[in-house]
Amino acid sequence: MKKPAVDKSIEVALLVIEYCEQLEKEQKYVIARQLLKSGTSIGANIHEAQNAESKSDFIHKIKIAAKELEETKYWMILCEKSKSYPVNIVLSEKINELGLILYKILSTSIKNKK
């Protein structure tokens, strides 16, 4: 069974890792660490949700993934707006695509829970 959120979260995590390695080469350690934590946590929570104990547990884990996604967006915005950081448009687009998938899953799951 194909799971777009799982697949996209792996794609995003791998791109985040590459981008953070680039940031570290440029000695942007603080943002690199924050971005690495939040960007890879999205997928970890989506993966955890695949084995949720209940519908409520599934929704909770997807909500945590969505929070991590928003934090990741924040760090990316800082990088994009800073004159001394490299910009990664592809990564930003992939993060936004994953967000659309996550928020659709959340809205459908919450609606079907009632």
N, C-alpha and C. Protein backbone atom coordinates (compact mmCIF):
# COMPACT_ATOMS: atom_id res chain seq x y z
N MET A 1 0.85 -1.19 0.00
CA MET A 1 0.00 0.00 0.00
C MET A 1 0.89 1.25 0.00
N LYS A 2 0.64 2.13 -0.93
CA LYS A 2 1.43 3.35 -1.07
C LYS A 2 0.99 4.36 -0.01
N LYS A 3 1.98 4.96 0.65
CA LYS A 3 1.71 5.94 1.70
C LYS A 3 2.46 7.22 1.36
N PRO A 4 1.78 8.16 0.69
CA PRO A 4 2.45 9.39 0.24
C PRO A 4 3.14 10.18 1.35
N ALA A 5 2.55 10.25 2.53
CA ALA A 5 3.15 11.02 3.62
C ALA A 5 4.47 10.37 4.07
N VAL A 6 4.49 9.05 4.13
CA VAL A 6 5.71 8.33 4.53
C VAL A 6 6.80 8.57 3.49
N ASP A 7 6.45 8.36 2.23
CA ASP A 7 7.43 8.54 1.15
C ASP A 7 7.95 9.97 1.10
N LYS A 8 7.06 10.93 1.18
CA LYS A 8 7.46 12.35 1.10
C LYS A 8 8.28 12.74 2.32
N SER A 9 7.96 12.18 3.49
CA SER A 9 8.72 12.53 4.69
C SER A 9 10.16 12.03 4.59
N ILE A 10 10.36 10.89 3.98
CA ILE A 10 11.72 10.37 3.78
C ILE A 10 12.47 11.26 2.80
N GLU A 11 11.80 11.63 1.73
CA GLU A 11 12.40 12.53 0.74
C GLU A 11 12.82 13.85 1.40
N VAL A 12 11.92 14.42 2.19
CA VAL A 12 12.21 15.69 2.87
C VAL A 12 13.37 15.51 3.85
N ALA A 13 13.35 14.44 4.64
CA ALA A 13 14.41 14.22 5.62
C ALA A 13 15.78 14.11 4.95
N LEU A 14 15.85 13.41 3.85
CA LEU A 14 17.13 13.28 3.14
C LEU A 14 17.61 14.62 2.60
N LEU A 15 16.68 15.43 2.09
CA LEU A 15 17.04 16.77 1.61
C LEU A 15 17.47 17.67 2.77
N VAL A 16 16.80 17.54 3.90
CA VAL A 16 17.17 18.31 5.09
C VAL A 16 18.59 17.94 5.53
N ILE A 17 18.89 16.66 5.54
CA ILE A 17 20.23 16.22 5.94
C ILE A 17 21.29 16.83 5.01
N GLU A 18 21.04 16.77 3.71
CA GLU A 18 22.00 17.33 2.75
C GLU A 18 22.17 18.84 2.97
N TYR A 19 21.07 19.54 3.16
CA TYR A 19 21.12 20.99 3.35
C TYR A 19 21.85 21.33 4.65
N CYS A 20 21.58 20.58 5.70
CA CYS A 20 22.24 20.84 6.98
C CYS A 20 23.74 20.57 6.89
N GLU A 21 24.13 19.57 6.12
CA GLU A 21 25.55 19.33 5.90
C GLU A 21 26.19 20.52 5.18
N GLN A 22 25.46 21.09 4.23
CA GLN A 22 25.94 22.28 3.54
C GLN A 22 26.07 23.46 4.52
N LEU A 23 25.07 23.62 5.38
CA LEU A 23 25.12 24.69 6.37
C LEU A 23 26.31 24.51 7.31
N GLU A 24 26.56 23.30 7.73
CA GLU A 24 27.68 23.05 8.64
C GLU A 24 29.02 23.34 7.97
N LYS A 25 29.14 23.03 6.69
CA LYS A 25 30.37 23.37 5.96
C LYS A 25 30.60 24.88 5.96
N GLU A 26 29.50 25.62 5.99
CA GLU A 26 29.59 27.08 6.02
C GLU A 26 29.56 27.61 7.46
N GLN A 27 29.73 26.72 8.42
CA GLN A 27 29.79 27.03 9.85
C GLN A 27 28.52 27.70 10.37
N LYS A 28 27.39 27.28 9.87
CA LYS A 28 26.07 27.75 10.33
C LYS A 28 25.50 26.67 11.25
N TYR A 29 26.22 26.40 12.34
CA TYR A 29 25.93 25.25 13.19
C TYR A 29 24.60 25.31 13.93
N VAL A 30 24.27 26.46 14.46
CA VAL A 30 23.06 26.56 15.30
C VAL A 30 21.81 26.26 14.48
N ILE A 31 21.65 26.93 13.36
CA ILE A 31 20.47 26.69 12.50
C ILE A 31 20.52 25.27 11.94
N ALA A 32 21.70 24.82 11.55
CA ALA A 32 21.81 23.46 10.99
C ALA A 32 21.29 22.42 11.97
N ARG A 33 21.65 22.56 13.24
CA ARG A 33 21.21 21.57 14.25
C ARG A 33 19.70 21.66 14.48
N GLN A 34 19.19 22.86 14.58
CA GLN A 34 17.75 23.04 14.81
C GLN A 34 16.95 22.47 13.63
N LEU A 35 17.39 22.81 12.43
CA LEU A 35 16.71 22.36 11.22
C LEU A 35 16.80 20.85 11.08
N LEU A 36 17.95 20.29 11.40
CA LEU A 36 18.12 18.84 11.31
C LEU A 36 17.17 18.12 12.26
N LYS A 37 17.05 18.64 13.48
CA LYS A 37 16.16 18.01 14.47
C LYS A 37 14.70 18.07 14.02
N SER A 38 14.23 19.26 13.68
CA SER A 38 12.81 19.39 13.32
C SER A 38 12.50 18.72 11.98
N GLY A 39 13.40 18.87 11.02
CA GLY A 39 13.15 18.33 9.67
C GLY A 39 13.11 16.81 9.61
N THR A 40 13.90 16.16 10.46
CA THR A 40 13.88 14.69 10.48
C THR A 40 12.81 14.16 11.43
N SER A 41 12.41 14.98 12.38
CA SER A 41 11.36 14.57 13.33
C SER A 41 9.99 14.44 12.66
N ILE A 42 9.78 15.19 11.60
CA ILE A 42 8.50 15.10 10.88
C ILE A 42 8.25 13.65 10.48
N GLY A 43 9.21 13.08 9.79
CA GLY A 43 9.07 11.70 9.31
C GLY A 43 9.02 10.68 10.43
N ALA A 44 9.79 10.93 11.48
CA ALA A 44 9.78 10.00 12.62
C ALA A 44 8.37 9.91 13.20
N ASN A 45 7.70 11.04 13.33
CA ASN A 45 6.33 11.04 13.87
C ASN A 45 5.33 10.44 12.90
N ILE A 46 5.52 10.68 11.62
CA ILE A 46 4.63 10.06 10.62
C ILE A 46 4.80 8.54 10.67
N HIS A 47 6.04 8.10 10.78
CA HIS A 47 6.28 6.65 10.88
C HIS A 47 5.67 6.07 12.14
N GLU A 48 5.80 6.77 13.26
CA GLU A 48 5.17 6.30 14.50
C GLU A 48 3.66 6.20 14.33
N ALA A 49 3.08 7.14 13.64
CA ALA A 49 1.62 7.16 13.45
C ALA A 49 1.13 5.93 12.70
N GLN A 50 2.00 5.32 11.90
CA GLN A 50 1.60 4.14 11.13
C GLN A 50 1.25 2.96 12.04
N ASN A 51 1.76 2.99 13.26
CA ASN A 51 1.47 1.91 14.23
C ASN A 51 0.75 2.45 15.46
N ALA A 52 -0.09 3.43 15.24
CA ALA A 52 -0.83 4.05 16.34
C ALA A 52 -1.74 3.03 17.01
N GLU A 53 -1.96 3.25 18.30
CA GLU A 53 -2.80 2.34 19.07
C GLU A 53 -4.29 2.60 18.87
N SER A 54 -4.62 3.80 18.41
CA SER A 54 -6.01 4.16 18.19
C SER A 54 -6.07 5.32 17.20
N LYS A 55 -7.27 5.65 16.78
CA LYS A 55 -7.46 6.79 15.88
C LYS A 55 -6.97 8.08 16.56
N SER A 56 -7.26 8.22 17.85
CA SER A 56 -6.81 9.41 18.60
C SER A 56 -5.29 9.48 18.65
N ASP A 57 -4.66 8.34 18.86
CA ASP A 57 -3.20 8.28 18.91
C ASP A 57 -2.63 8.65 17.54
N PHE A 58 -3.23 8.15 16.47
CA PHE A 58 -2.81 8.47 15.11
C PHE A 58 -2.89 9.98 14.89
N ILE A 59 -4.01 10.57 15.22
CA ILE A 59 -4.21 12.01 15.04
C ILE A 59 -3.17 12.79 15.85
N HIS A 60 -2.94 12.36 17.08
CA HIS A 60 -1.97 13.03 17.94
C HIS A 60 -0.57 13.02 17.32
N LYS A 61 -0.15 11.88 16.80
CA LYS A 61 1.18 11.78 16.20
C LYS A 61 1.29 12.60 14.92
N ILE A 62 0.23 12.63 14.14
CA ILE A 62 0.23 13.45 12.92
C ILE A 62 0.25 14.94 13.29
N LYS A 63 -0.43 15.31 14.37
CA LYS A 63 -0.38 16.70 14.83
C LYS A 63 1.03 17.08 15.26
N ILE A 64 1.74 16.17 15.92
CA ILE A 64 3.13 16.44 16.31
C ILE A 64 3.99 16.61 15.05
N ALA A 65 3.77 15.75 14.06
CA ALA A 65 4.50 15.87 12.80
C ALA A 65 4.23 17.24 12.15
N ALA A 66 2.98 17.69 12.21
CA ALA A 66 2.62 18.99 11.65
C ALA A 66 3.32 20.13 12.40
N LYS A 67 3.43 20.00 13.72
CA LYS A 67 4.14 21.02 14.51
C LYS A 67 5.62 21.06 14.11
N GLU A 68 6.21 19.90 13.95
CA GLU A 68 7.62 19.84 13.54
C GLU A 68 7.79 20.43 12.14
N LEU A 69 6.81 20.19 11.28
CA LEU A 69 6.84 20.75 9.94
C LEU A 69 6.82 22.28 10.00
N GLU A 70 5.98 22.84 10.86
CA GLU A 70 5.91 24.30 10.99
C GLU A 70 7.21 24.86 11.55
N GLU A 71 7.83 24.14 12.49
CA GLU A 71 9.12 24.60 13.00
C GLU A 71 10.16 24.56 11.88
N THR A 72 10.14 23.52 11.08
CA THR A 72 11.07 23.40 9.96
C THR A 72 10.88 24.55 8.98
N LYS A 73 9.63 24.89 8.71
CA LYS A 73 9.35 26.04 7.83
C LYS A 73 9.95 27.31 8.39
N TYR A 74 9.85 27.48 9.70
CA TYR A 74 10.40 28.67 10.36
C TYR A 74 11.91 28.77 10.11
N TRP A 75 12.65 27.68 10.35
CA TRP A 75 14.09 27.71 10.15
C TRP A 75 14.43 27.97 8.69
N MET A 76 13.64 27.41 7.78
CA MET A 76 13.88 27.64 6.36
C MET A 76 13.63 29.11 5.99
N ILE A 77 12.62 29.71 6.56
CA ILE A 77 12.34 31.13 6.31
C ILE A 77 13.51 31.98 6.79
N LEU A 78 14.05 31.66 7.97
CA LEU A 78 15.21 32.41 8.46
C LEU A 78 16.38 32.29 7.48
N CYS A 79 16.62 31.09 6.98
CA CYS A 79 17.71 30.90 6.02
C CYS A 79 17.45 31.69 4.73
N GLU A 80 16.21 31.67 4.27
CA GLU A 80 15.87 32.36 3.02
C GLU A 80 16.00 33.88 3.17
N LYS A 81 15.67 34.40 4.33
CA LYS A 81 15.68 35.84 4.54
C LYS A 81 17.05 36.38 4.96
N SER A 82 17.93 35.49 5.39
CA SER A 82 19.27 35.91 5.81
C SER A 82 20.16 36.06 4.58
N LYS A 83 20.94 37.12 4.58
CA LYS A 83 21.83 37.37 3.45
C LYS A 83 23.04 36.43 3.45
N SER A 84 23.34 35.82 4.58
CA SER A 84 24.54 35.00 4.67
C SER A 84 24.28 33.49 4.64
N TYR A 85 23.04 33.09 4.34
CA TYR A 85 22.70 31.67 4.28
C TYR A 85 22.36 31.27 2.85
N PRO A 86 22.72 30.04 2.47
CA PRO A 86 22.32 29.56 1.14
C PRO A 86 20.82 29.26 1.13
N VAL A 87 20.20 29.50 0.01
CA VAL A 87 18.77 29.25 -0.14
C VAL A 87 18.59 27.89 -0.82
N ASN A 88 17.59 27.14 -0.37
CA ASN A 88 17.28 25.84 -0.98
C ASN A 88 15.79 25.81 -1.30
N ILE A 89 15.46 26.32 -2.47
CA ILE A 89 14.06 26.42 -2.91
C ILE A 89 13.41 25.04 -3.04
N VAL A 90 14.16 24.07 -3.56
CA VAL A 90 13.62 22.72 -3.74
C VAL A 90 13.18 22.15 -2.39
N LEU A 91 14.01 22.29 -1.39
CA LEU A 91 13.66 21.80 -0.06
C LEU A 91 12.42 22.49 0.47
N SER A 92 12.35 23.79 0.33
CA SER A 92 11.17 24.54 0.79
C SER A 92 9.91 24.05 0.09
N GLU A 93 9.99 23.81 -1.20
CA GLU A 93 8.83 23.31 -1.95
C GLU A 93 8.41 21.93 -1.46
N LYS A 94 9.38 21.06 -1.22
CA LYS A 94 9.07 19.70 -0.75
C LYS A 94 8.44 19.74 0.65
N ILE A 95 8.92 20.64 1.50
CA ILE A 95 8.33 20.80 2.82
C ILE A 95 6.88 21.25 2.69
N ASN A 96 6.63 22.19 1.81
CA ASN A 96 5.25 22.66 1.58
C ASN A 96 4.36 21.55 1.04
N GLU A 97 4.89 20.73 0.13
CA GLU A 97 4.12 19.60 -0.40
C GLU A 97 3.76 18.62 0.72
N LEU A 98 4.73 18.33 1.58
CA LEU A 98 4.47 17.43 2.71
C LEU A 98 3.42 18.04 3.64
N GLY A 99 3.48 19.34 3.83
CA GLY A 99 2.48 20.02 4.65
C GLY A 99 1.08 19.84 4.11
N LEU A 100 0.92 19.97 2.80
CA LEU A 100 -0.40 19.78 2.19
C LEU A 100 -0.92 18.36 2.45
N ILE A 101 -0.04 17.39 2.34
CA ILE A 101 -0.42 16.00 2.59
C ILE A 101 -0.82 15.82 4.06
N LEU A 102 0.02 16.33 4.97
CA LEU A 102 -0.26 16.17 6.40
C LEU A 102 -1.58 16.82 6.81
N TYR A 103 -1.81 18.04 6.34
CA TYR A 103 -3.04 18.74 6.74
C TYR A 103 -4.28 18.09 6.14
N LYS A 104 -4.14 17.47 4.98
CA LYS A 104 -5.25 16.71 4.40
C LYS A 104 -5.53 15.46 5.24
N ILE A 105 -4.48 14.78 5.64
CA ILE A 105 -4.64 13.60 6.50
C ILE A 105 -5.31 13.99 7.81
N LEU A 106 -4.86 15.09 8.39
CA LEU A 106 -5.45 15.55 9.66
C LEU A 106 -6.93 15.88 9.51
N SER A 107 -7.26 16.66 8.49
CA SER A 107 -8.66 17.07 8.34
C SER A 107 -9.56 15.86 8.07
N THR A 108 -9.09 14.93 7.26
CA THR A 108 -9.87 13.73 6.96
C THR A 108 -10.01 12.85 8.21
N SER A 109 -8.91 12.68 8.93
CA SER A 109 -8.94 11.82 10.13
C SER A 109 -9.84 12.40 11.21
N ILE A 110 -9.78 13.70 11.41
CA ILE A 110 -10.62 14.35 12.43
C ILE A 110 -12.09 14.26 12.02
N LYS A 111 -12.36 14.47 10.75
CA LYS A 111 -13.74 14.41 10.26
C LYS A 111 -14.30 12.99 10.40
N ASN A 112 -13.48 11.98 10.09
CA ASN A 112 -13.93 10.59 10.15
C ASN A 112 -13.99 10.05 11.57
N LYS A 113 -13.37 10.75 12.51
CA LYS A 113 -13.39 10.31 13.91
C LYS A 113 -14.74 10.57 14.54
N LYS A 114 -15.41 11.59 14.07
CA LYS A 114 -16.69 11.99 14.68
C LYS A 114 -17.82 11.06 14.30
